[in-house]
N, C-alpha and C. Protein backbone atom coordinates (compact mmCIF):
# COMPACT_ATOMS: atom_id res chain seq x y z
N UNK A 1 38.83 -18.63 15.75
CA UNK A 1 39.26 -17.20 15.76
C UNK A 1 39.24 -16.64 17.22
N UNK A 2 38.78 -17.40 18.16
CA UNK A 2 38.70 -16.91 19.55
C UNK A 2 40.07 -16.90 20.22
N UNK A 3 40.99 -17.61 19.72
CA UNK A 3 42.32 -17.77 20.31
C UNK A 3 43.43 -17.44 19.37
N UNK A 4 44.60 -17.03 19.85
CA UNK A 4 45.72 -16.68 18.86
C UNK A 4 46.06 -17.86 18.00
N UNK A 5 46.47 -17.48 16.81
CA UNK A 5 46.85 -18.46 15.80
C UNK A 5 48.10 -19.23 16.26
N UNK A 6 48.23 -20.47 15.88
CA UNK A 6 49.35 -21.29 16.26
C UNK A 6 50.28 -21.49 15.05
N UNK A 7 51.03 -20.44 14.72
CA UNK A 7 51.91 -20.51 13.54
C UNK A 7 53.07 -21.47 13.73
N UNK A 8 53.67 -21.45 14.94
CA UNK A 8 54.77 -22.39 15.23
C UNK A 8 54.90 -22.51 16.69
N UNK A 9 55.72 -23.58 17.12
CA UNK A 9 56.03 -23.81 18.50
C UNK A 9 57.54 -24.08 18.53
N UNK A 10 58.29 -23.28 19.21
CA UNK A 10 59.72 -23.53 19.31
C UNK A 10 60.50 -22.39 18.66
N UNK A 11 61.83 -22.68 18.52
CA UNK A 11 62.73 -21.69 18.00
C UNK A 11 62.84 -21.78 16.46
N UNK A 12 61.99 -21.05 15.78
CA UNK A 12 61.84 -21.16 14.32
C UNK A 12 63.15 -20.75 13.59
N UNK A 13 64.01 -19.91 14.24
CA UNK A 13 65.17 -19.44 13.58
C UNK A 13 66.40 -20.42 13.72
N UNK A 14 66.43 -21.20 14.80
CA UNK A 14 67.64 -21.99 15.10
C UNK A 14 67.48 -23.47 15.22
N UNK A 15 66.26 -23.95 15.50
CA UNK A 15 66.08 -25.34 15.70
C UNK A 15 66.51 -26.13 14.44
N UNK A 16 67.38 -27.16 14.69
CA UNK A 16 67.85 -27.94 13.51
C UNK A 16 66.81 -28.82 12.86
N UNK A 17 65.78 -29.23 13.69
CA UNK A 17 64.72 -30.10 13.09
C UNK A 17 63.45 -29.35 13.03
N UNK A 18 62.85 -29.40 11.87
CA UNK A 18 61.54 -28.71 11.59
C UNK A 18 60.47 -29.84 11.42
N UNK A 19 59.48 -29.77 12.26
CA UNK A 19 58.35 -30.67 12.15
C UNK A 19 57.20 -29.91 11.49
N UNK A 20 56.68 -30.46 10.38
CA UNK A 20 55.57 -29.79 9.71
C UNK A 20 54.27 -30.32 10.20
N UNK A 21 53.37 -29.35 10.54
CA UNK A 21 52.05 -29.69 10.98
C UNK A 21 51.04 -29.04 10.04
N UNK A 22 49.81 -29.49 10.15
CA UNK A 22 48.75 -28.97 9.26
C UNK A 22 48.23 -27.65 9.75
N UNK A 23 47.88 -27.57 11.03
CA UNK A 23 47.29 -26.33 11.58
C UNK A 23 47.42 -26.30 13.10
N UNK A 24 47.28 -25.10 13.68
CA UNK A 24 47.21 -24.97 15.09
C UNK A 24 45.89 -25.61 15.55
N UNK A 25 45.98 -26.57 16.37
CA UNK A 25 44.81 -27.36 16.74
C UNK A 25 43.87 -26.60 17.69
N UNK A 26 42.69 -27.22 17.84
CA UNK A 26 41.67 -26.67 18.74
C UNK A 26 40.98 -27.87 19.35
N UNK A 27 40.90 -27.80 20.66
CA UNK A 27 40.12 -28.82 21.43
C UNK A 27 39.30 -28.04 22.42
N UNK A 28 38.00 -28.17 22.34
CA UNK A 28 37.13 -27.39 23.19
C UNK A 28 37.32 -27.60 24.66
N UNK A 29 37.97 -28.69 25.09
CA UNK A 29 38.20 -28.90 26.53
C UNK A 29 39.65 -28.48 26.91
N UNK A 30 40.50 -28.27 25.97
CA UNK A 30 41.90 -27.94 26.27
C UNK A 30 42.29 -26.48 25.89
N UNK A 31 41.96 -26.12 24.66
CA UNK A 31 42.45 -24.81 24.20
C UNK A 31 41.97 -23.62 25.04
N UNK A 32 40.68 -23.54 25.43
CA UNK A 32 40.30 -22.40 26.28
C UNK A 32 41.11 -22.29 27.61
N UNK A 33 41.47 -23.49 28.15
CA UNK A 33 42.24 -23.55 29.41
C UNK A 33 43.63 -22.88 29.26
N UNK A 34 44.19 -23.04 27.96
CA UNK A 34 45.53 -22.48 27.74
C UNK A 34 45.53 -20.97 27.89
N UNK A 35 44.38 -20.33 27.73
CA UNK A 35 44.31 -18.88 27.73
C UNK A 35 43.47 -18.32 28.87
N UNK A 36 43.26 -19.10 29.90
CA UNK A 36 42.43 -18.60 31.08
C UNK A 36 43.22 -17.56 31.89
N UNK A 37 44.50 -17.77 32.05
CA UNK A 37 45.30 -16.87 32.91
C UNK A 37 45.40 -15.49 32.32
N UNK A 38 45.26 -14.46 33.13
CA UNK A 38 45.36 -13.08 32.66
C UNK A 38 46.73 -12.85 32.03
N UNK A 39 46.78 -12.34 30.86
CA UNK A 39 48.02 -12.04 30.13
C UNK A 39 48.58 -13.21 29.36
N UNK A 40 47.85 -14.31 29.32
CA UNK A 40 48.36 -15.53 28.60
C UNK A 40 48.39 -15.28 27.12
N UNK A 41 47.41 -14.57 26.56
CA UNK A 41 47.39 -14.30 25.15
C UNK A 41 48.56 -13.41 24.79
N UNK A 42 48.86 -12.42 25.58
CA UNK A 42 50.04 -11.54 25.33
C UNK A 42 51.33 -12.35 25.42
N UNK A 43 51.46 -13.26 26.36
CA UNK A 43 52.64 -14.03 26.40
C UNK A 43 52.81 -14.94 25.23
N UNK A 44 51.74 -15.54 24.79
CA UNK A 44 51.74 -16.38 23.59
C UNK A 44 52.18 -15.51 22.39
N UNK A 45 51.61 -14.35 22.16
CA UNK A 45 52.01 -13.48 21.05
C UNK A 45 53.45 -13.05 21.15
N UNK A 46 53.95 -12.83 22.34
CA UNK A 46 55.32 -12.46 22.47
C UNK A 46 56.26 -13.59 22.06
N UNK A 47 55.89 -14.84 22.34
CA UNK A 47 56.72 -16.03 21.89
C UNK A 47 56.63 -16.11 20.42
N UNK A 48 55.57 -15.73 19.77
CA UNK A 48 55.50 -15.79 18.28
C UNK A 48 56.40 -14.71 17.71
N UNK A 49 56.37 -13.49 18.26
CA UNK A 49 57.17 -12.39 17.73
C UNK A 49 58.63 -12.44 18.10
N UNK A 50 59.00 -13.21 19.14
CA UNK A 50 60.38 -13.36 19.59
C UNK A 50 60.71 -14.82 19.65
N UNK A 51 61.13 -15.45 18.51
CA UNK A 51 61.33 -16.90 18.53
C UNK A 51 62.44 -17.33 19.52
N UNK A 52 62.18 -18.34 20.22
CA UNK A 52 63.12 -18.94 21.15
C UNK A 52 62.62 -20.32 21.60
N UNK A 53 63.38 -21.03 22.37
CA UNK A 53 62.90 -22.24 22.91
C UNK A 53 61.76 -22.00 23.84
N UNK A 54 60.99 -22.98 24.15
CA UNK A 54 59.77 -22.78 24.93
C UNK A 54 59.77 -23.62 26.21
N UNK A 55 59.20 -23.03 27.25
CA UNK A 55 58.93 -23.77 28.48
C UNK A 55 57.65 -24.55 28.26
N UNK A 56 57.77 -25.86 28.41
CA UNK A 56 56.55 -26.70 28.17
C UNK A 56 55.42 -26.34 29.00
N UNK A 57 55.63 -25.69 30.15
CA UNK A 57 54.47 -25.37 31.03
C UNK A 57 53.62 -24.26 30.41
N UNK A 58 54.10 -23.56 29.37
CA UNK A 58 53.35 -22.46 28.75
C UNK A 58 52.83 -22.80 27.40
N UNK A 59 52.97 -23.99 26.94
CA UNK A 59 52.37 -24.42 25.68
C UNK A 59 51.30 -25.46 25.96
N UNK A 60 50.56 -25.76 24.90
CA UNK A 60 49.41 -26.66 25.04
C UNK A 60 49.80 -28.00 25.67
N UNK A 61 48.99 -28.51 26.59
CA UNK A 61 49.24 -29.82 27.17
C UNK A 61 49.26 -30.92 26.09
N UNK A 62 48.77 -30.62 24.91
CA UNK A 62 48.83 -31.58 23.81
C UNK A 62 50.23 -32.05 23.57
N UNK A 63 51.23 -31.16 23.78
CA UNK A 63 52.63 -31.46 23.46
C UNK A 63 53.23 -32.40 24.54
N UNK A 64 52.55 -32.60 25.66
CA UNK A 64 52.97 -33.57 26.65
C UNK A 64 52.61 -34.99 26.12
N UNK A 65 51.65 -35.05 25.23
CA UNK A 65 51.18 -36.40 24.73
C UNK A 65 52.00 -36.96 23.58
N UNK A 66 52.71 -36.03 22.89
CA UNK A 66 53.46 -36.47 21.67
C UNK A 66 54.89 -36.69 22.08
N UNK A 67 55.57 -37.50 21.27
CA UNK A 67 56.97 -37.85 21.63
C UNK A 67 58.01 -36.80 21.24
N UNK A 68 57.57 -35.70 20.72
CA UNK A 68 58.53 -34.66 20.30
C UNK A 68 58.42 -33.36 21.12
N UNK A 69 57.46 -33.28 21.99
CA UNK A 69 57.25 -32.04 22.79
C UNK A 69 58.45 -31.59 23.52
N UNK A 70 59.25 -32.48 24.10
CA UNK A 70 60.44 -32.13 24.83
C UNK A 70 61.49 -31.44 24.05
N UNK A 71 61.44 -31.62 22.71
CA UNK A 71 62.46 -31.02 21.80
C UNK A 71 62.27 -29.56 21.59
N UNK A 72 61.08 -29.02 21.91
CA UNK A 72 60.87 -27.57 21.77
C UNK A 72 61.56 -26.86 22.86
N UNK A 73 61.70 -27.55 24.00
CA UNK A 73 62.23 -26.89 25.23
C UNK A 73 63.74 -26.72 25.14
N UNK A 74 64.47 -27.65 24.50
CA UNK A 74 65.89 -27.58 24.46
C UNK A 74 66.40 -27.05 23.05
N UNK A 75 65.43 -26.76 22.24
CA UNK A 75 65.81 -26.12 20.90
C UNK A 75 66.11 -27.07 19.88
N UNK A 76 65.90 -28.36 20.05
CA UNK A 76 66.22 -29.33 19.02
C UNK A 76 65.18 -29.38 17.88
N UNK A 77 64.01 -28.86 18.16
CA UNK A 77 62.98 -28.92 17.12
C UNK A 77 62.00 -27.74 17.22
N UNK A 78 61.36 -27.41 16.13
CA UNK A 78 60.31 -26.44 16.06
C UNK A 78 59.19 -27.06 15.19
N UNK A 79 57.97 -26.78 15.55
CA UNK A 79 56.82 -27.23 14.83
C UNK A 79 56.28 -26.05 13.99
N UNK A 80 56.14 -26.21 12.73
CA UNK A 80 55.63 -25.19 11.81
C UNK A 80 54.26 -25.64 11.35
N UNK A 81 53.21 -24.82 11.57
CA UNK A 81 51.92 -25.25 11.03
C UNK A 81 51.67 -24.54 9.63
N UNK A 82 51.32 -25.36 8.63
CA UNK A 82 51.07 -24.79 7.32
C UNK A 82 49.98 -23.81 7.33
N UNK A 83 48.98 -24.03 8.15
CA UNK A 83 47.89 -23.03 8.37
C UNK A 83 47.88 -22.70 9.83
N UNK A 84 48.10 -21.43 10.13
CA UNK A 84 48.30 -21.06 11.55
C UNK A 84 46.96 -21.06 12.32
N UNK A 85 45.84 -20.95 11.62
CA UNK A 85 44.56 -20.87 12.29
C UNK A 85 44.13 -22.16 12.89
N UNK A 86 43.40 -22.11 13.97
CA UNK A 86 43.04 -23.28 14.75
C UNK A 86 41.80 -23.95 14.22
N UNK A 87 41.77 -25.26 14.20
CA UNK A 87 40.60 -26.04 13.92
C UNK A 87 40.74 -27.43 14.56
N UNK A 88 39.71 -28.10 14.66
CA UNK A 88 39.70 -29.45 15.32
C UNK A 88 40.52 -30.41 14.56
N UNK A 89 40.32 -30.57 13.30
CA UNK A 89 41.11 -31.47 12.52
C UNK A 89 40.92 -31.16 11.05
N UNK A 90 41.80 -30.31 10.50
CA UNK A 90 41.59 -29.70 9.22
C UNK A 90 41.49 -30.79 8.11
N UNK A 91 42.14 -31.88 8.27
CA UNK A 91 42.09 -32.91 7.22
C UNK A 91 40.68 -33.51 7.09
N UNK A 92 39.84 -33.30 8.09
CA UNK A 92 38.48 -33.79 8.05
C UNK A 92 37.48 -32.67 7.96
N UNK A 93 37.96 -31.47 7.57
CA UNK A 93 37.07 -30.26 7.47
C UNK A 93 37.21 -29.66 6.05
N UNK A 94 36.49 -30.16 5.08
CA UNK A 94 36.67 -29.72 3.74
C UNK A 94 36.51 -28.17 3.56
N UNK A 95 35.54 -27.60 4.28
CA UNK A 95 35.36 -26.21 4.17
C UNK A 95 36.52 -25.39 4.64
N UNK A 96 37.07 -25.75 5.83
CA UNK A 96 38.24 -25.08 6.34
C UNK A 96 39.46 -25.31 5.47
N UNK A 97 39.60 -26.47 4.99
CA UNK A 97 40.77 -26.86 4.14
C UNK A 97 40.72 -26.01 2.88
N UNK A 98 39.52 -25.90 2.24
CA UNK A 98 39.39 -25.07 1.05
C UNK A 98 39.68 -23.58 1.31
N UNK A 99 39.22 -23.12 2.46
CA UNK A 99 39.44 -21.74 2.87
C UNK A 99 40.93 -21.48 3.08
N UNK A 100 41.58 -22.42 3.72
CA UNK A 100 43.04 -22.30 4.02
C UNK A 100 43.85 -22.16 2.70
N UNK A 101 43.44 -22.82 1.68
CA UNK A 101 44.10 -22.70 0.36
C UNK A 101 44.09 -21.28 -0.20
N UNK A 102 43.18 -20.48 0.24
CA UNK A 102 43.03 -19.11 -0.22
C UNK A 102 43.75 -18.07 0.63
N UNK A 103 44.28 -18.50 1.76
CA UNK A 103 44.92 -17.53 2.72
C UNK A 103 46.34 -17.17 2.29
N UNK A 104 46.64 -15.89 2.27
CA UNK A 104 47.98 -15.46 1.90
C UNK A 104 49.02 -16.04 2.89
N UNK A 105 48.68 -16.21 4.14
CA UNK A 105 49.65 -16.75 5.12
C UNK A 105 50.01 -18.17 4.81
N UNK A 106 49.12 -18.94 4.22
CA UNK A 106 49.35 -20.34 3.82
C UNK A 106 50.25 -20.36 2.63
N UNK A 107 49.99 -19.46 1.66
CA UNK A 107 50.90 -19.34 0.49
C UNK A 107 52.30 -18.93 0.86
N UNK A 108 52.35 -17.96 1.78
CA UNK A 108 53.68 -17.50 2.27
C UNK A 108 54.44 -18.62 2.90
N UNK A 109 53.78 -19.36 3.80
CA UNK A 109 54.47 -20.46 4.50
C UNK A 109 54.94 -21.50 3.55
N UNK A 110 54.11 -21.84 2.59
CA UNK A 110 54.50 -22.85 1.58
C UNK A 110 55.70 -22.42 0.79
N UNK A 111 55.72 -21.11 0.37
CA UNK A 111 56.82 -20.54 -0.42
C UNK A 111 58.11 -20.56 0.46
N UNK A 112 57.95 -20.20 1.75
CA UNK A 112 59.14 -20.18 2.66
C UNK A 112 59.66 -21.59 2.77
N UNK A 113 58.83 -22.56 2.91
CA UNK A 113 59.25 -23.96 3.07
C UNK A 113 60.03 -24.44 1.79
N UNK A 114 59.45 -24.10 0.66
CA UNK A 114 60.05 -24.55 -0.61
C UNK A 114 61.36 -23.83 -0.88
N UNK A 115 61.33 -22.53 -0.72
CA UNK A 115 62.50 -21.74 -1.11
C UNK A 115 63.64 -21.62 0.00
N UNK A 116 63.24 -21.66 1.24
CA UNK A 116 64.25 -21.49 2.30
C UNK A 116 64.54 -22.74 3.07
N UNK A 117 63.51 -23.49 3.46
CA UNK A 117 63.75 -24.65 4.34
C UNK A 117 64.21 -25.85 3.58
N UNK A 118 63.55 -26.21 2.49
CA UNK A 118 63.95 -27.43 1.78
C UNK A 118 65.38 -27.39 1.29
N UNK A 119 65.91 -26.27 0.78
CA UNK A 119 67.35 -26.26 0.41
C UNK A 119 68.24 -26.51 1.62
N UNK A 120 67.87 -25.98 2.80
CA UNK A 120 68.65 -26.18 3.98
C UNK A 120 68.59 -27.69 4.37
N UNK A 121 67.41 -28.29 4.22
CA UNK A 121 67.27 -29.76 4.53
C UNK A 121 68.11 -30.58 3.54
N UNK A 122 68.07 -30.26 2.29
CA UNK A 122 68.82 -30.99 1.30
C UNK A 122 70.34 -30.86 1.54
N UNK A 123 70.79 -29.72 2.05
CA UNK A 123 72.22 -29.58 2.32
C UNK A 123 72.61 -30.10 3.68
N UNK A 124 71.64 -30.63 4.47
CA UNK A 124 71.96 -31.19 5.81
C UNK A 124 72.02 -30.09 6.89
N UNK A 125 71.71 -28.88 6.64
CA UNK A 125 71.83 -27.86 7.60
C UNK A 125 70.62 -27.75 8.56
N UNK A 126 69.49 -28.30 8.11
CA UNK A 126 68.28 -28.37 8.99
C UNK A 126 67.59 -29.67 8.71
């Protein structure tokens, strides 16, 4: 809860490819560094409230390690986290996983995926 939630990375409205993630990650050696610069939290929240492609220099260095990080920059993909809150590895955290099941934001995201995104995927539009 010390850092802004990681609901998504990229252009959630237009990206043709949607990558589903479990949660906004947390790494004690990386995550705090993302928010050291004055105003970085505000910039992060602005990106969440105004979806667009992202400059990789302003997102977690984690995305430099994965083979899809470059797709956020040119709008080809967006990463949606089922649970926006940060944790080290939710699949190995039974307490956090159980708590996430009770969050309205998780229910909303699942409903959105089932009702809005999956029909678009089935029709080939996303």
